[in-house]
Amino acid sequence: MEDISLQSRIDVLTEQQVLIQDSAVAFIAQDEELKKTRGSRFVQLGYDQQTWQDIAELGWLGFLVPEQYGGI
């Protein structure tokens, strides 16, 4: 089996995938309340509503939906 290096796997990302990756990195970097978000798993809802809303506004909820049905 051929060993594929991390760099060679990164090089095959499409332009759209790179934009999504950059968006995710920026989102996480600006999330000053990361500890609060991680801690939210212990509250009744199990997630931080504002973080979930931010993720929805970025369009990330459409990743698992085929494009023909409005996904990404």
PDB file of N, CA and C in Angstrom:
ATOM      1  N   MET A   1       0.847  -1.181   0.000  1.00  0.00           N
ATOM      2  CA  MET A   1       0.000   0.000   0.000  1.00  0.00           C
ATOM      3  C   MET A   1       0.891   1.242   0.000  1.00  0.00           C
ATOM      4  N   GLU A   2       0.555   2.192  -0.823  1.00  0.00           N
ATOM      5  CA  GLU A   2       1.353   3.405  -0.954  1.00  0.00           C
ATOM      6  C   GLU A   2       1.063   4.356   0.200  1.00  0.00           C
ATOM      7  N   ASP A   3       2.128   4.902   0.787  1.00  0.00           N
ATOM      8  CA  ASP A   3       1.990   5.867   1.871  1.00  0.00           C
ATOM      9  C   ASP A   3       1.849   7.260   1.263  1.00  0.00           C
ATOM     10  N   ILE A   4       0.713   7.889   1.488  1.00  0.00           N
ATOM     11  CA  ILE A   4       0.462   9.221   0.935  1.00  0.00           C
ATOM     12  C   ILE A   4       0.739  10.241   2.030  1.00  0.00           C
ATOM     13  N   SER A   5       1.648  11.159   1.756  1.00  0.00           N
ATOM     14  CA  SER A   5       2.008  12.157   2.758  1.00  0.00           C
ATOM     15  C   SER A   5       0.875  13.157   2.947  1.00  0.00           C
ATOM     16  N   LEU A   6       0.904  13.815   4.090  1.00  0.00           N
ATOM     17  CA  LEU A   6      -0.108  14.824   4.395  1.00  0.00           C
ATOM     18  C   LEU A   6      -0.091  15.927   3.349  1.00  0.00           C
ATOM     19  N   GLN A   7       1.094  16.382   2.963  1.00  0.00           N
ATOM     20  CA  GLN A   7       1.194  17.468   1.990  1.00  0.00           C
ATOM     21  C   GLN A   7       0.561  17.085   0.658  1.00  0.00           C
ATOM     22  N   SER A   8       0.773  15.860   0.199  1.00  0.00           N
ATOM     23  CA  SER A   8       0.188  15.465  -1.084  1.00  0.00           C
ATOM     24  C   SER A   8      -1.325  15.380  -0.993  1.00  0.00           C
ATOM     25  N   ARG A   9      -1.861  15.028   0.182  1.00  0.00           N
ATOM     26  CA  ARG A   9      -3.315  15.010   0.348  1.00  0.00           C
ATOM     27  C   ARG A   9      -3.868  16.424   0.370  1.00  0.00           C
ATOM     28  N   ILE A  10      -3.135  17.344   0.960  1.00  0.00           N
ATOM     29  CA  ILE A  10      -3.574  18.733   1.025  1.00  0.00           C
ATOM     30  C   ILE A  10      -3.575  19.350  -0.370  1.00  0.00           C
ATOM     31  N   ASP A  11      -2.600  18.983  -1.182  1.00  0.00           N
ATOM     32  CA  ASP A  11      -2.481  19.550  -2.523  1.00  0.00           C
ATOM     33  C   ASP A  11      -3.650  19.192  -3.433  1.00  0.00           C
ATOM     34  N   VAL A  12      -4.430  18.184  -3.100  1.00  0.00           N
ATOM     35  CA  VAL A  12      -5.523  17.780  -3.969  1.00  0.00           C
ATOM     36  C   VAL A  12      -6.853  18.433  -3.589  1.00  0.00           C
ATOM     37  N   LEU A  13      -6.836  19.350  -2.638  1.00  0.00           N
ATOM     38  CA  LEU A  13      -8.065  20.048  -2.279  1.00  0.00           C
ATOM     39  C   LEU A  13      -8.487  20.964  -3.420  1.00  0.00           C
ATOM     40  N   THR A  14      -9.783  21.016  -3.647  1.00  0.00           N
ATOM     41  CA  THR A  14     -10.302  21.940  -4.650  1.00  0.00           C
ATOM     42  C   THR A  14     -10.277  23.349  -4.084  1.00  0.00           C
ATOM     43  N   GLU A  15     -10.472  24.321  -4.946  1.00  0.00           N
ATOM     44  CA  GLU A  15     -10.501  25.707  -4.494  1.00  0.00           C
ATOM     45  C   GLU A  15     -11.617  25.914  -3.460  1.00  0.00           C
ATOM     46  N   GLN A  16     -12.773  25.295  -3.702  1.00  0.00           N
ATOM     47  CA  GLN A  16     -13.889  25.417  -2.765  1.00  0.00           C
ATOM     48  C   GLN A  16     -13.535  24.786  -1.416  1.00  0.00           C
ATOM     49  N   GLN A  17     -12.867  23.647  -1.436  1.00  0.00           N
ATOM     50  CA  GLN A  17     -12.478  22.989  -0.191  1.00  0.00           C
ATOM     51  C   GLN A  17     -11.472  23.833   0.586  1.00  0.00           C
ATOM     52  N   VAL A  18     -10.564  24.485  -0.123  1.00  0.00           N
ATOM     53  CA  VAL A  18      -9.595  25.361   0.534  1.00  0.00           C
ATOM     54  C   VAL A  18     -10.316  26.541   1.182  1.00  0.00           C
ATOM     55  N   LEU A  19     -11.300  27.109   0.496  1.00  0.00           N
ATOM     56  CA  LEU A  19     -12.073  28.218   1.060  1.00  0.00           C
ATOM     57  C   LEU A  19     -12.827  27.779   2.313  1.00  0.00           C
ATOM     58  N   ILE A  20     -13.403  26.589   2.282  1.00  0.00           N
ATOM     59  CA  ILE A  20     -14.114  26.059   3.443  1.00  0.00           C
ATOM     60  C   ILE A  20     -13.134  25.835   4.590  1.00  0.00           C
ATOM     61  N   GLN A  21     -11.986  25.272   4.278  1.00  0.00           N
ATOM     62  CA  GLN A  21     -10.964  25.030   5.292  1.00  0.00           C
ATOM     63  C   GLN A  21     -10.523  26.354   5.925  1.00  0.00           C
ATOM     64  N   ASP A  22     -10.261  27.354   5.107  1.00  0.00           N
ATOM     65  CA  ASP A  22      -9.863  28.664   5.612  1.00  0.00           C
ATOM     66  C   ASP A  22     -10.954  29.275   6.480  1.00  0.00           C
ATOM     67  N   SER A  23     -12.198  29.106   6.070  1.00  0.00           N
ATOM     68  CA  SER A  23     -13.334  29.616   6.833  1.00  0.00           C
ATOM     69  C   SER A  23     -13.412  28.952   8.203  1.00  0.00           C
ATOM     70  N   ALA A  24     -13.204  27.645   8.243  1.00  0.00           N
ATOM     71  CA  ALA A  24     -13.249  26.913   9.512  1.00  0.00           C
ATOM     72  C   ALA A  24     -12.121  27.349  10.437  1.00  0.00           C
ATOM     73  N   VAL A  25     -10.930  27.515   9.892  1.00  0.00           N
ATOM     74  CA  VAL A  25      -9.786  27.954  10.696  1.00  0.00           C
ATOM     75  C   VAL A  25     -10.050  29.345  11.269  1.00  0.00           C
ATOM     76  N   ALA A  26     -10.565  30.251  10.442  1.00  0.00           N
ATOM     77  CA  ALA A  26     -10.864  31.605  10.901  1.00  0.00           C
ATOM     78  C   ALA A  26     -11.954  31.597  11.965  1.00  0.00           C
ATOM     79  N   PHE A  27     -12.972  30.764  11.780  1.00  0.00           N
ATOM     80  CA  PHE A  27     -14.071  30.679  12.741  1.00  0.00           C
ATOM     81  C   PHE A  27     -13.560  30.216  14.098  1.00  0.00           C
ATOM     82  N   ILE A  28     -12.750  29.180  14.100  1.00  0.00           N
ATOM     83  CA  ILE A  28     -12.233  28.647  15.355  1.00  0.00           C
ATOM     84  C   ILE A  28     -11.270  29.634  16.004  1.00  0.00           C
ATOM     85  N   ALA A  29     -10.459  30.309  15.203  1.00  0.00           N
ATOM     86  CA  ALA A  29      -9.490  31.262  15.732  1.00  0.00           C
ATOM     87  C   ALA A  29     -10.174  32.448  16.401  1.00  0.00           C
ATOM     88  N   GLN A  30     -11.303  32.883  15.868  1.00  0.00           N
ATOM     89  CA  GLN A  30     -11.991  34.037  16.443  1.00  0.00           C
ATOM     90  C   GLN A  30     -12.894  33.672  17.602  1.00  0.00           C
ATOM     91  N   ASP A  31     -13.100  32.384  17.827  1.00  0.00           N
ATOM     92  CA  ASP A  31     -13.999  31.934  18.890  1.00  0.00           C
ATOM     93  C   ASP A  31     -13.294  32.023  20.235  1.00  0.00           C
ATOM     94  N   GLU A  32     -13.345  33.223  20.844  1.00  0.00           N
ATOM     95  CA  GLU A  32     -12.694  33.447  22.128  1.00  0.00           C
ATOM     96  C   GLU A  32     -13.370  32.675  23.250  1.00  0.00           C
ATOM     97  N   GLU A  33     -14.558  32.193  23.004  1.00  0.00           N
ATOM     98  CA  GLU A  33     -15.297  31.480  24.034  1.00  0.00           C
ATOM     99  C   GLU A  33     -15.255  29.976  23.792  1.00  0.00           C
ATOM    100  N   LEU A  34     -14.142  29.489  23.273  1.00  0.00           N
ATOM    101  CA  LEU A  34     -14.039  28.071  22.955  1.00  0.00           C
ATOM    102  C   LEU A  34     -14.264  27.200  24.188  1.00  0.00           C
ATOM    103  N   LYS A  35     -13.719  27.616  25.323  1.00  0.00           N
ATOM    104  CA  LYS A  35     -13.927  26.837  26.548  1.00  0.00           C
ATOM    105  C   LYS A  35     -15.408  26.799  26.913  1.00  0.00           C
ATOM    106  N   LYS A  36     -16.091  27.926  26.744  1.00  0.00           N
ATOM    107  CA  LYS A  36     -17.529  27.964  27.030  1.00  0.00           C
ATOM    108  C   LYS A  36     -18.274  27.024  26.090  1.00  0.00           C
ATOM    109  N   THR A  37     -17.878  27.046  24.833  1.00  0.00           N
ATOM    110  CA  THR A  37     -18.520  26.185  23.845  1.00  0.00           C
ATOM    111  C   THR A  37     -18.293  24.716  24.180  1.00  0.00           C
ATOM    112  N   ARG A  38     -17.059  24.380  24.520  1.00  0.00           N
ATOM    113  CA  ARG A  38     -16.766  22.995  24.893  1.00  0.00           C
ATOM    114  C   ARG A  38     -17.525  22.606  26.153  1.00  0.00           C
ATOM    115  N   GLY A  39     -17.639  23.537  27.087  1.00  0.00           N
ATOM    116  CA  GLY A  39     -18.347  23.262  28.328  1.00  0.00           C
ATOM    117  C   GLY A  39     -19.841  23.110  28.141  1.00  0.00           C
ATOM    118  N   SER A  40     -20.363  23.603  27.031  1.00  0.00           N
ATOM    119  CA  SER A  40     -21.807  23.547  26.808  1.00  0.00           C
ATOM    120  C   SER A  40     -22.318  22.123  26.632  1.00  0.00           C
ATOM    121  N   ARG A  41     -21.414  21.182  26.418  1.00  0.00           N
ATOM    122  CA  ARG A  41     -21.863  19.796  26.273  1.00  0.00           C
ATOM    123  C   ARG A  41     -22.448  19.262  27.577  1.00  0.00           C
ATOM    124  N   PHE A  42     -22.204  19.983  28.664  1.00  0.00           N
ATOM    125  CA  PHE A  42     -22.712  19.548  29.961  1.00  0.00           C
ATOM    126  C   PHE A  42     -24.036  20.224  30.336  1.00  0.00           C
ATOM    127  N   VAL A  43     -24.512  21.138  29.501  1.00  0.00           N
ATOM    128  CA  VAL A  43     -25.791  21.786  29.777  1.00  0.00           C
ATOM    129  C   VAL A  43     -26.911  20.989  29.130  1.00  0.00           C
ATOM    130  N   GLN A  44     -28.135  21.340  29.462  1.00  0.00           N
ATOM    131  CA  GLN A  44     -29.281  20.563  28.994  1.00  0.00           C
ATOM    132  C   GLN A  44     -29.344  20.462  27.470  1.00  0.00           C
ATOM    133  N   LEU A  45     -29.096  21.547  26.757  1.00  0.00           N
ATOM    134  CA  LEU A  45     -29.167  21.515  25.293  1.00  0.00           C
ATOM    135  C   LEU A  45     -28.022  20.710  24.690  1.00  0.00           C
ATOM    136  N   GLY A  46     -26.861  20.737  25.323  1.00  0.00           N
ATOM    137  CA  GLY A  46     -25.712  20.007  24.807  1.00  0.00           C
ATOM    138  C   GLY A  46     -24.921  20.764  23.754  1.00  0.00           C
ATOM    139  N   TYR A  47     -25.293  22.004  23.488  1.00  0.00           N
ATOM    140  CA  TYR A  47     -24.565  22.823  22.520  1.00  0.00           C
ATOM    141  C   TYR A  47     -24.826  24.288  22.822  1.00  0.00           C
ATOM    142  N   ASP A  48     -23.955  25.152  22.325  1.00  0.00           N
ATOM    143  CA  ASP A  48     -24.120  26.588  22.485  1.00  0.00           C
ATOM    144  C   ASP A  48     -24.964  27.106  21.319  1.00  0.00           C
ATOM    145  N   GLN A  49     -26.093  27.701  21.618  1.00  0.00           N
ATOM    146  CA  GLN A  49     -27.016  28.134  20.563  1.00  0.00           C
ATOM    147  C   GLN A  49     -26.391  29.159  19.621  1.00  0.00           C
ATOM    148  N   GLN A  50     -25.609  30.091  20.149  1.00  0.00           N
ATOM    149  CA  GLN A  50     -25.009  31.114  19.294  1.00  0.00           C
ATOM    150  C   GLN A  50     -23.983  30.505  18.343  1.00  0.00           C
ATOM    151  N   THR A  51     -23.177  29.585  18.859  1.00  0.00           N
ATOM    152  CA  THR A  51     -22.194  28.924  17.997  1.00  0.00           C
ATOM    153  C   THR A  51     -22.901  28.143  16.898  1.00  0.00           C
ATOM    154  N   TRP A  52     -23.970  27.449  17.249  1.00  0.00           N
ATOM    155  CA  TRP A  52     -24.740  26.687  16.261  1.00  0.00           C
ATOM    156  C   TRP A  52     -25.306  27.621  15.192  1.00  0.00           C
ATOM    157  N   GLN A  53     -25.812  28.780  15.610  1.00  0.00           N
ATOM    158  CA  GLN A  53     -26.351  29.763  14.669  1.00  0.00           C
ATOM    159  C   GLN A  53     -25.248  30.282  13.746  1.00  0.00           C
ATOM    160  N   ASP A  54     -24.067  30.552  14.324  1.00  0.00           N
ATOM    161  CA  ASP A  54     -22.938  31.021  13.511  1.00  0.00           C
ATOM    162  C   ASP A  54     -22.546  29.980  12.467  1.00  0.00           C
ATOM    163  N   ILE A  55     -22.511  28.718  12.863  1.00  0.00           N
ATOM    164  CA  ILE A  55     -22.173  27.633  11.938  1.00  0.00           C
ATOM    165  C   ILE A  55     -23.216  27.539  10.823  1.00  0.00           C
ATOM    166  N   ALA A  56     -24.480  27.694  11.177  1.00  0.00           N
ATOM    167  CA  ALA A  56     -25.555  27.657  10.180  1.00  0.00           C
ATOM    168  C   ALA A  56     -25.410  28.811   9.189  1.00  0.00           C
ATOM    169  N   GLU A  57     -25.083  30.001   9.693  1.00  0.00           N
ATOM    170  CA  GLU A  57     -24.925  31.164   8.821  1.00  0.00           C
ATOM    171  C   GLU A  57     -23.746  31.004   7.865  1.00  0.00           C
ATOM    172  N   LEU A  58     -22.742  30.234   8.262  1.00  0.00           N
ATOM    173  CA  LEU A  58     -21.610  29.955   7.382  1.00  0.00           C
ATOM    174  C   LEU A  58     -21.966  28.930   6.306  1.00  0.00           C
ATOM    175  N   GLY A  59     -23.118  28.291   6.446  1.00  0.00           N
ATOM    176  CA  GLY A  59     -23.568  27.319   5.458  1.00  0.00           C
ATOM    177  C   GLY A  59     -23.030  25.920   5.663  1.00  0.00           C
ATOM    178  N   TRP A  60     -22.378  25.677   6.776  1.00  0.00           N
ATOM    179  CA  TRP A  60     -21.749  24.382   7.010  1.00  0.00           C
ATOM    180  C   TRP A  60     -22.755  23.264   7.214  1.00  0.00           C
ATOM    181  N   LEU A  61     -23.987  23.585   7.540  1.00  0.00           N
ATOM    182  CA  LEU A  61     -24.985  22.538   7.757  1.00  0.00           C
ATOM    183  C   LEU A  61     -25.353  21.837   6.453  1.00  0.00           C
ATOM    184  N   GLY A  62     -24.999  22.444   5.336  1.00  0.00           N
ATOM    185  CA  GLY A  62     -25.304  21.851   4.041  1.00  0.00           C
ATOM    186  C   GLY A  62     -24.244  20.899   3.518  1.00  0.00           C
ATOM    187  N   PHE A  63     -23.181  20.670   4.279  1.00  0.00           N
ATOM    188  CA  PHE A  63     -22.108  19.789   3.812  1.00  0.00           C
ATOM    189  C   PHE A  63     -22.582  18.369   3.546  1.00  0.00           C
ATOM    190  N   LEU A  64     -23.479  17.874   4.345  1.00  0.00           N
ATOM    191  CA  LEU A  64     -23.905  16.483   4.221  1.00  0.00           C
ATOM    192  C   LEU A  64     -25.100  16.296   3.294  1.00  0.00           C
ATOM    193  N   VAL A  65     -25.613  17.404   2.777  1.00  0.00           N
ATOM    194  CA  VAL A  65     -26.768  17.343   1.886  1.00  0.00           C
ATOM    195  C   VAL A  65     -26.268  17.416   0.441  1.00  0.00           C
ATOM    196  N   PRO A  66     -26.688  16.499  -0.418  1.00  0.00           N
ATOM    197  CA  PRO A  66     -26.256  16.546  -1.822  1.00  0.00           C
ATOM    198  C   PRO A  66     -26.643  17.879  -2.476  1.00  0.00           C
ATOM    199  N   GLU A  67     -25.817  18.346  -3.397  1.00  0.00           N
ATOM    200  CA  GLU A  67     -26.068  19.618  -4.077  1.00  0.00           C
ATOM    201  C   GLU A  67     -27.438  19.659  -4.734  1.00  0.00           C
ATOM    202  N   GLN A  68     -27.893  18.535  -5.278  1.00  0.00           N
ATOM    203  CA  GLN A  68     -29.186  18.504  -5.965  1.00  0.00           C
ATOM    204  C   GLN A  68     -30.346  18.824  -5.027  1.00  0.00           C
ATOM    205  N   TYR A  69     -30.098  18.726  -3.717  1.00  0.00           N
ATOM    206  CA  TYR A  69     -31.132  19.042  -2.733  1.00  0.00           C
ATOM    207  C   TYR A  69     -30.827  20.325  -1.973  1.00  0.00           C
ATOM    208  N   GLY A  70     -29.896  21.118  -2.494  1.00  0.00           N
ATOM    209  CA  GLY A  70     -29.584  22.402  -1.887  1.00  0.00           C
ATOM    210  C   GLY A  70     -28.362  22.404  -0.986  1.00  0.00           C
ATOM    211  N   GLY A  71     -27.656  21.297  -0.925  1.00  0.00           N
ATOM    212  CA  GLY A  71     -26.455  21.222  -0.097  1.00  0.00           C
ATOM    213  C   GLY A  71     -25.239  21.766  -0.825  1.00  0.00           C
ATOM    214  N   ILE A  72     -24.122  21.580  -0.192  1.00  0.00           N
ATOM    215  CA  ILE A  72     -22.859  22.079  -0.747  1.00  0.00           C
ATOM    216  C   ILE A  72     -22.132  20.944  -1.425  1.00  0.00           C
TER     217      ILE A  72
END
